[in-house]
N, C-alpha and C. Protein backbone atom coordinates (compact mmCIF):
# COMPACT_ATOMS: atom_id res chain seq x y z
N MET A 1 -2.93 11.58 7.76
CA MET A 1 -3.59 10.65 8.57
C MET A 1 -4.76 10.13 7.57
N ILE A 2 -5.05 8.74 7.92
CA ILE A 2 -6.00 8.19 7.05
C ILE A 2 -7.49 8.05 7.95
N SER A 3 -8.64 8.28 7.35
CA SER A 3 -9.62 8.56 8.08
C SER A 3 -10.63 7.53 7.68
N GLU A 4 -11.60 7.31 8.54
CA GLU A 4 -12.53 6.19 8.30
C GLU A 4 -13.94 6.33 9.02
N GLN A 5 -15.04 6.28 8.45
CA GLN A 5 -16.48 6.48 9.31
C GLN A 5 -16.74 4.91 9.54
N ALA A 6 -17.18 4.97 10.78
CA ALA A 6 -17.56 3.71 11.74
C ALA A 6 -18.87 3.95 12.58
N ILE A 7 -19.71 2.61 12.68
CA ILE A 7 -20.78 2.61 13.69
C ILE A 7 -20.57 1.85 14.90
N VAL A 8 -20.96 2.20 16.16
CA VAL A 8 -20.69 1.23 17.01
C VAL A 8 -22.04 -0.08 16.85
N THR A 9 -21.63 -1.23 16.99
CA THR A 9 -22.44 -1.91 16.72
C THR A 9 -22.67 -2.99 18.18
N ARG A 10 -21.85 -2.76 18.99
CA ARG A 10 -21.89 -3.54 20.18
C ARG A 10 -20.61 -3.01 21.02
N ARG A 11 -21.06 -3.35 22.39
CA ARG A 11 -20.24 -2.78 23.35
C ARG A 11 -20.15 -3.99 24.33
N ASP A 12 -18.82 -4.46 24.86
CA ASP A 12 -18.72 -5.34 25.83
C ASP A 12 -17.27 -4.85 26.88
N GLY A 13 -18.00 -4.35 28.05
CA GLY A 13 -16.67 -3.95 28.71
C GLY A 13 -16.14 -2.66 27.91
N LYS A 14 -14.63 -2.81 28.05
CA LYS A 14 -13.90 -1.91 27.15
C LYS A 14 -13.80 -2.07 25.42
N ARG A 15 -14.23 -3.40 25.44
CA ARG A 15 -14.05 -3.71 23.83
C ARG A 15 -15.49 -3.20 22.96
N VAL A 16 -15.00 -2.51 22.04
CA VAL A 16 -16.20 -1.77 21.15
C VAL A 16 -16.10 -2.42 19.55
N GLU A 17 -17.46 -2.87 19.30
CA GLU A 17 -17.50 -3.77 17.92
C GLU A 17 -17.74 -2.51 16.74
N LEU A 18 -17.20 -2.12 15.84
CA LEU A 18 -17.23 -1.20 14.68
C LEU A 18 -17.78 -1.49 13.56
N GLU A 19 -18.79 -1.20 12.62
CA GLU A 19 -18.77 -1.94 11.53
C GLU A 19 -18.50 -0.18 10.57
N LEU A 20 -17.65 -0.77 9.64
CA LEU A 20 -17.01 0.57 9.02
C LEU A 20 -17.94 0.76 7.66
N GLN A 21 -17.88 2.02 7.45
CA GLN A 21 -18.85 2.37 6.49
C GLN A 21 -18.23 2.58 5.12
N ARG A 22 -17.81 1.56 4.40
CA ARG A 22 -17.00 1.82 3.21
C ARG A 22 -17.40 2.53 2.05
N GLY A 23 -16.92 3.41 1.61
CA GLY A 23 -16.96 4.18 0.57
C GLY A 23 -16.89 3.74 -0.61
N SER A 24 -17.21 4.41 -1.79
CA SER A 24 -16.72 3.82 -3.05
C SER A 24 -15.22 4.33 -3.49
N ALA A 25 -14.89 3.81 -4.66
CA ALA A 25 -13.64 4.38 -4.94
C ALA A 25 -13.41 5.63 -5.64
N CYS A 26 -14.71 6.13 -6.09
CA CYS A 26 -14.67 7.55 -6.91
C CYS A 26 -16.15 7.78 -6.84
N GLY A 27 -16.27 9.13 -7.22
CA GLY A 27 -17.45 9.52 -7.16
C GLY A 27 -18.34 9.06 -8.50
N GLN A 28 -17.72 8.69 -9.53
CA GLN A 28 -18.28 8.08 -10.44
C GLN A 28 -18.87 6.78 -10.45
N CYS A 29 -18.58 6.18 -9.46
CA CYS A 29 -18.89 4.81 -9.35
C CYS A 29 -20.20 4.75 -8.35
N GLU A 30 -20.47 5.93 -7.70
CA GLU A 30 -21.74 6.39 -6.90
C GLU A 30 -22.89 6.37 -8.32
N LEU A 31 -22.29 6.73 -9.40
CA LEU A 31 -23.37 7.04 -10.22
C LEU A 31 -23.49 6.15 -11.30
N SER A 32 -22.87 5.00 -10.98
CA SER A 32 -22.83 3.64 -11.86
C SER A 32 -22.47 4.15 -13.26
N GLN A 33 -21.12 4.66 -13.18
CA GLN A 33 -21.15 5.15 -14.78
C GLN A 33 -19.42 4.59 -14.74
N GLY A 34 -18.92 4.48 -15.66
CA GLY A 34 -17.46 4.31 -16.21
C GLY A 34 -16.69 3.15 -15.77
N CYS A 35 -15.95 3.04 -14.66
CA CYS A 35 -14.82 2.25 -14.45
C CYS A 35 -15.37 0.82 -14.06
N GLY A 36 -13.93 -0.11 -14.08
CA GLY A 36 -14.41 -1.41 -13.66
C GLY A 36 -14.22 -1.41 -12.24
N THR A 37 -13.77 -0.52 -11.31
CA THR A 37 -13.73 -0.56 -10.18
C THR A 37 -15.27 -0.61 -9.43
N GLY A 38 -15.96 0.15 -9.91
CA GLY A 38 -17.51 0.33 -9.50
C GLY A 38 -18.12 -0.61 -10.05
N ALA A 39 -17.92 -1.51 -10.95
CA ALA A 39 -18.49 -2.95 -11.47
C ALA A 39 -18.22 -3.88 -10.59
N LEU A 40 -16.97 -3.86 -10.09
CA LEU A 40 -16.43 -5.10 -9.05
C LEU A 40 -17.33 -4.53 -7.59
N GLY A 41 -17.28 -3.53 -7.32
CA GLY A 41 -17.91 -3.01 -6.08
C GLY A 41 -19.12 -3.65 -5.99
N ARG A 42 -20.07 -3.12 -7.07
CA ARG A 42 -21.48 -3.85 -7.07
C ARG A 42 -21.72 -5.05 -7.30
N LEU A 43 -20.59 -5.89 -7.69
CA LEU A 43 -20.67 -7.43 -7.50
C LEU A 43 -20.18 -8.15 -6.21
N LEU A 44 -19.27 -7.38 -5.61
CA LEU A 44 -18.82 -7.73 -4.27
C LEU A 44 -19.96 -7.34 -3.36
N GLY A 45 -20.84 -6.10 -3.55
CA GLY A 45 -21.56 -5.70 -2.62
C GLY A 45 -20.90 -4.74 -1.40
N LYS A 46 -21.86 -4.80 -0.27
CA LYS A 46 -21.16 -3.73 0.56
C LYS A 46 -21.00 -4.42 1.83
N ARG A 47 -20.37 -5.72 1.82
CA ARG A 47 -20.04 -6.35 3.03
C ARG A 47 -18.90 -5.66 3.67
N SER A 48 -18.87 -5.84 5.18
CA SER A 48 -17.97 -5.53 5.92
C SER A 48 -17.40 -6.35 7.07
N LYS A 49 -16.21 -6.26 7.28
CA LYS A 49 -15.81 -6.98 8.58
C LYS A 49 -15.89 -6.26 9.71
N PRO A 50 -16.20 -6.68 10.86
CA PRO A 50 -16.33 -5.67 12.18
C PRO A 50 -15.00 -5.60 12.47
N LEU A 51 -14.57 -4.34 13.30
CA LEU A 51 -13.57 -4.25 13.91
C LEU A 51 -13.81 -3.75 15.28
N VAL A 52 -12.79 -4.41 16.02
CA VAL A 52 -13.05 -4.32 17.66
C VAL A 52 -11.75 -3.65 17.99
N ILE A 53 -12.03 -2.56 18.76
CA ILE A 53 -11.31 -1.89 19.41
C ILE A 53 -11.39 -1.52 20.93
N GLU A 54 -10.36 -1.19 21.71
CA GLU A 54 -10.76 -0.99 23.10
C GLU A 54 -10.77 0.28 23.29
N THR A 55 -11.60 0.76 24.20
CA THR A 55 -11.66 2.21 24.55
C THR A 55 -12.55 2.42 26.02
N ASP A 56 -11.96 3.51 26.76
CA ASP A 56 -12.61 3.66 27.95
C ASP A 56 -13.86 4.76 27.56
N ARG A 57 -13.86 5.29 26.67
CA ARG A 57 -15.28 6.30 26.08
C ARG A 57 -16.32 5.45 26.34
N ASP A 58 -17.53 6.22 26.94
CA ASP A 58 -18.72 6.02 26.62
C ASP A 58 -19.47 5.70 25.95
N LEU A 59 -19.38 4.73 24.91
CA LEU A 59 -19.80 4.47 23.53
C LEU A 59 -21.19 3.48 23.65
N LYS A 60 -22.05 3.73 22.96
CA LYS A 60 -23.32 2.88 22.86
C LYS A 60 -23.38 2.85 21.42
N PRO A 61 -24.12 1.30 20.86
CA PRO A 61 -24.55 1.27 19.79
C PRO A 61 -25.48 2.15 19.15
N GLY A 62 -25.08 2.58 17.72
CA GLY A 62 -25.56 3.34 16.98
C GLY A 62 -24.75 4.60 16.83
N ASP A 63 -23.87 4.67 17.67
CA ASP A 63 -23.04 6.09 17.82
C ASP A 63 -22.17 6.15 16.73
N ARG A 64 -21.96 7.09 15.68
CA ARG A 64 -21.09 7.08 14.90
C ARG A 64 -19.57 7.53 15.23
N LEU A 65 -18.70 7.31 14.33
CA LEU A 65 -17.28 7.67 15.06
C LEU A 65 -16.63 8.10 13.62
N GLN A 66 -15.25 8.63 13.86
CA GLN A 66 -14.57 8.84 12.77
C GLN A 66 -13.10 8.38 13.40
N LEU A 67 -12.55 7.03 12.66
CA LEU A 67 -11.46 6.73 13.02
C LEU A 67 -10.13 7.07 12.33
N GLY A 68 -9.00 7.24 12.87
CA GLY A 68 -7.81 7.41 12.21
C GLY A 68 -6.54 6.65 12.37
N LEU A 69 -5.71 6.51 11.17
CA LEU A 69 -4.73 5.73 11.58
C LEU A 69 -3.71 6.55 10.53
N SER A 70 -2.38 6.70 11.35
CA SER A 70 -1.29 7.10 10.58
C SER A 70 -0.77 6.58 9.52
N GLU A 71 -0.33 7.41 8.35
CA GLU A 71 0.06 6.89 7.08
C GLU A 71 1.38 5.66 7.46
N SER A 72 2.07 6.32 8.38
CA SER A 72 3.33 5.58 8.32
C SER A 72 3.01 4.02 9.03
N ALA A 73 2.26 3.83 9.80
CA ALA A 73 1.63 2.77 10.23
C ALA A 73 1.12 1.79 9.39
N LEU A 74 0.43 2.44 8.34
CA LEU A 74 -0.29 1.64 7.01
C LEU A 74 0.79 1.29 6.06
N VAL A 75 2.18 1.70 5.90
CA VAL A 75 3.03 1.62 4.95
C VAL A 75 3.65 0.55 5.50
N ARG A 76 4.00 0.74 7.01
CA ARG A 76 5.06 -0.32 7.53
C ARG A 76 4.18 -1.88 7.74
N ALA A 77 2.68 -1.59 7.87
CA ALA A 77 1.80 -2.59 7.82
C ALA A 77 2.13 -3.55 6.31
N SER A 78 1.71 -2.40 5.48
CA SER A 78 1.60 -3.33 4.01
C SER A 78 3.22 -3.69 3.68
N LEU A 79 4.47 -3.12 4.01
CA LEU A 79 5.67 -3.65 3.69
C LEU A 79 5.91 -4.88 4.21
N THR A 80 5.16 -5.10 5.48
CA THR A 80 5.68 -6.33 6.24
C THR A 80 4.49 -7.51 5.60
N VAL A 81 3.49 -7.29 5.48
CA VAL A 81 2.78 -8.44 5.02
C VAL A 81 2.61 -8.62 3.47
N TYR A 82 3.23 -7.65 2.72
CA TYR A 82 3.21 -8.06 1.18
C TYR A 82 4.96 -8.11 0.76
N GLY A 83 5.43 -7.25 1.34
CA GLY A 83 6.99 -7.10 1.34
C GLY A 83 7.97 -8.28 1.81
N LEU A 84 7.79 -8.78 2.72
CA LEU A 84 8.32 -10.23 3.38
C LEU A 84 8.20 -11.18 2.63
N PRO A 85 6.85 -11.42 2.36
CA PRO A 85 6.81 -12.88 1.66
C PRO A 85 7.36 -12.81 0.06
N LEU A 86 7.13 -11.69 -0.40
CA LEU A 86 7.87 -11.57 -1.83
C LEU A 86 9.60 -11.45 -1.97
N LEU A 87 9.94 -10.87 -0.84
CA LEU A 87 11.42 -10.63 -0.57
C LEU A 87 11.89 -12.30 -0.46
N GLY A 88 11.16 -12.90 0.33
CA GLY A 88 11.50 -14.43 0.59
C GLY A 88 11.59 -15.09 -0.42
N MET A 89 10.55 -15.18 -1.42
CA MET A 89 10.82 -15.77 -2.83
C MET A 89 11.61 -15.40 -3.69
N VAL A 90 11.82 -14.05 -3.85
CA VAL A 90 12.64 -13.75 -4.64
C VAL A 90 14.17 -14.22 -4.33
N ILE A 91 14.49 -14.07 -2.69
CA ILE A 91 15.87 -14.67 -2.25
C ILE A 91 15.94 -16.08 -2.46
N ALA A 92 15.03 -16.73 -1.98
CA ALA A 92 14.99 -18.02 -2.24
C ALA A 92 15.06 -18.52 -3.62
N GLY A 93 14.45 -18.10 -4.55
CA GLY A 93 14.69 -18.14 -6.10
C GLY A 93 16.07 -18.00 -6.43
N LEU A 94 16.63 -17.07 -6.43
CA LEU A 94 17.98 -16.62 -6.57
C LEU A 94 18.73 -17.59 -6.26
N ILE A 95 18.54 -17.95 -4.94
CA ILE A 95 19.64 -18.96 -4.24
C ILE A 95 19.60 -20.15 -5.07
N ALA A 96 18.36 -20.74 -5.21
CA ALA A 96 17.90 -22.05 -5.73
C ALA A 96 18.59 -21.84 -7.40
N SER A 97 18.37 -20.97 -7.89
CA SER A 97 18.84 -20.76 -9.24
C SER A 97 20.37 -21.07 -9.35
N PHE A 98 21.22 -20.68 -8.67
CA PHE A 98 22.68 -20.79 -8.61
C PHE A 98 22.99 -22.34 -8.19
N ALA A 99 22.23 -23.08 -7.13
CA ALA A 99 22.23 -24.05 -6.73
C ALA A 99 21.99 -25.53 -7.54
N ILE A 100 20.59 -25.09 -8.43
CA ILE A 100 19.90 -25.99 -8.71
C ILE A 100 19.53 -25.83 -10.09
N GLU A 101 19.89 -26.86 -11.17
CA GLU A 101 19.58 -26.82 -12.43
C GLU A 101 18.11 -26.91 -12.87
N SER A 102 17.40 -27.55 -12.11
CA SER A 102 15.88 -28.00 -12.45
C SER A 102 14.95 -26.60 -12.34
N ASP A 103 14.36 -26.12 -13.27
CA ASP A 103 13.29 -25.05 -13.28
C ASP A 103 12.20 -25.57 -11.94
N VAL A 104 11.87 -26.77 -12.09
CA VAL A 104 10.71 -27.41 -11.15
C VAL A 104 11.21 -26.87 -9.67
N LEU A 105 12.51 -27.36 -9.51
CA LEU A 105 12.97 -27.42 -8.06
C LEU A 105 13.19 -25.86 -7.82
N ILE A 106 13.68 -25.09 -8.84
CA ILE A 106 13.66 -23.69 -8.25
C ILE A 106 12.20 -22.98 -7.96
N ALA A 107 11.51 -23.05 -8.74
CA ALA A 107 10.13 -22.85 -8.67
C ALA A 107 9.64 -23.29 -7.25
N LEU A 108 9.74 -24.63 -6.96
CA LEU A 108 9.44 -25.12 -5.54
C LEU A 108 10.41 -24.15 -4.54
N ALA A 109 11.53 -24.21 -4.82
CA ALA A 109 12.35 -23.24 -3.64
C ALA A 109 11.82 -21.55 -3.51
N ALA A 110 11.41 -21.08 -4.52
CA ALA A 110 10.79 -19.81 -4.60
C ALA A 110 9.58 -20.08 -3.73
N CYS A 111 8.53 -20.99 -3.80
CA CYS A 111 7.23 -21.11 -3.32
C CYS A 111 7.57 -21.49 -1.72
N ALA A 112 8.74 -21.83 -1.41
CA ALA A 112 9.02 -22.16 0.02
C ALA A 112 9.49 -21.04 0.66
N GLY A 113 10.37 -20.09 -0.11
CA GLY A 113 10.82 -18.72 0.49
C GLY A 113 9.59 -17.75 0.50
N PHE A 114 8.46 -18.05 -0.36
CA PHE A 114 7.10 -17.10 -0.26
C PHE A 114 6.73 -17.48 1.15
N ILE A 115 6.47 -18.83 1.65
CA ILE A 115 5.71 -19.33 2.82
C ILE A 115 6.52 -18.92 3.80
N GLY A 116 8.07 -18.87 3.77
CA GLY A 116 8.89 -18.74 4.91
C GLY A 116 8.59 -17.15 5.20
N GLY A 117 8.64 -16.32 4.08
CA GLY A 117 8.40 -14.76 4.46
C GLY A 117 7.08 -14.55 5.05
N TYR A 118 6.18 -15.25 4.73
CA TYR A 118 4.64 -15.01 5.22
C TYR A 118 4.75 -15.44 6.70
N LYS A 119 5.26 -16.55 6.97
CA LYS A 119 5.27 -17.15 8.54
C LYS A 119 6.23 -16.02 9.18
N PHE A 120 7.25 -15.47 8.58
CA PHE A 120 8.03 -14.36 9.29
C PHE A 120 7.24 -13.12 9.62
N ALA A 121 6.46 -12.67 8.50
CA ALA A 121 5.62 -11.61 8.40
C ALA A 121 4.48 -11.61 9.55
N ARG A 122 3.89 -12.66 9.66
CA ARG A 122 3.11 -13.26 10.88
C ARG A 122 3.64 -12.95 12.20
N TYR A 123 4.80 -13.57 12.44
CA TYR A 123 5.75 -13.63 13.48
C TYR A 123 6.01 -12.06 14.04
N LEU A 124 6.22 -11.62 13.01
CA LEU A 124 6.77 -10.04 13.16
C LEU A 124 5.44 -9.01 13.53
N SER A 125 4.29 -9.27 12.78
CA SER A 125 3.12 -8.57 13.28
C SER A 125 2.33 -8.65 14.44
N HIS A 126 2.44 -9.74 14.96
CA HIS A 126 1.91 -9.93 16.38
C HIS A 126 2.32 -8.92 17.44
N PRO A 127 3.34 -8.40 17.84
CA PRO A 127 3.77 -7.48 18.72
C PRO A 127 3.25 -6.11 18.17
N LEU A 128 3.04 -5.84 16.81
CA LEU A 128 2.67 -4.56 16.36
C LEU A 128 0.90 -4.38 16.58
N GLU A 129 0.48 -5.44 16.62
CA GLU A 129 -1.00 -5.54 16.60
C GLU A 129 -1.59 -4.58 17.44
N HIS A 130 -1.12 -4.28 18.72
CA HIS A 130 -1.99 -3.68 19.63
C HIS A 130 -1.70 -2.03 19.64
N ASP A 131 -0.29 -1.77 19.07
CA ASP A 131 -0.15 -0.17 19.47
C ASP A 131 -0.17 0.43 18.22
N PRO A 132 0.73 0.44 17.09
CA PRO A 132 0.67 1.56 16.21
C PRO A 132 -0.31 1.39 14.85
N LEU A 133 -0.75 0.04 14.99
CA LEU A 133 -1.44 -0.14 14.01
C LEU A 133 -3.03 -0.35 14.27
N THR A 134 -3.35 0.08 15.47
CA THR A 134 -4.80 0.09 16.01
C THR A 134 -5.35 1.63 15.86
N PRO A 135 -6.51 1.63 15.18
CA PRO A 135 -6.90 3.05 14.79
C PRO A 135 -7.42 3.61 16.10
N TYR A 136 -7.43 5.16 16.05
CA TYR A 136 -7.96 5.90 17.19
C TYR A 136 -9.14 6.43 16.75
N ILE A 137 -9.76 6.80 17.84
CA ILE A 137 -11.04 7.66 17.61
C ILE A 137 -10.81 9.30 17.73
N VAL A 138 -11.08 9.84 16.24
CA VAL A 138 -10.83 10.87 16.07
C VAL A 138 -12.01 12.00 16.58
N ASP A 139 -13.31 11.47 16.29
CA ASP A 139 -14.29 12.18 16.42
C ASP A 139 -15.50 11.22 16.90
N ILE A 140 -16.43 11.98 17.61
CA ILE A 140 -17.92 10.99 18.08
C ILE A 140 -18.92 11.84 17.56
N ARG A 141 -19.85 11.08 16.97
CA ARG A 141 -21.40 11.66 16.95
C ARG A 141 -22.31 10.69 17.82
N VAL A 142 -22.83 11.25 18.72
CA VAL A 142 -23.55 10.45 19.47
C VAL A 142 -25.03 10.08 18.85
N ASN A 143 -25.58 8.96 18.69
CA ASN A 143 -26.50 8.60 18.47
C ASN A 143 -27.74 9.35 19.02
N PRO A 144 -28.44 10.11 18.41
CA PRO A 144 -29.71 10.66 19.00
C PRO A 144 -30.75 9.81 19.68
N GLY A 145 -31.03 8.49 19.11
CA GLY A 145 -31.83 7.70 19.57
C GLY A 145 -33.00 7.70 18.45
N PRO A 146 -34.03 7.16 18.87
CA PRO A 146 -35.40 6.95 17.76
C PRO A 146 -36.02 7.96 17.83
């Protein structure tokens, strides 16, 4: 299981908006030493995109949560999002290389295969959006208030 810390920022009925607490890549980055990943993290800042989940639990803004996601769901999502466009590009490029002599047209066919694989991945990902890829709440630490 992959886990991540989050804070409740807003609640609207069953929908809860969360702000993920992004950590650094390694302990050295926190100390501003060493690797390029830390430099990239400092350059990009600590911006985060809100995550919205549905829950029946009584959560209030400020509550801290630990979210979980299964590794198999992450692997399936990664293969769908990254693998299908690349597979489409390779297959379209190979087919075009046997049928066409022009390198420019082969490259255009590969790009078309990439776009086709991307569209197919988007089509396949819609039914998966709600069930296995949705993070679930592992632990709740209620906000003690001011």
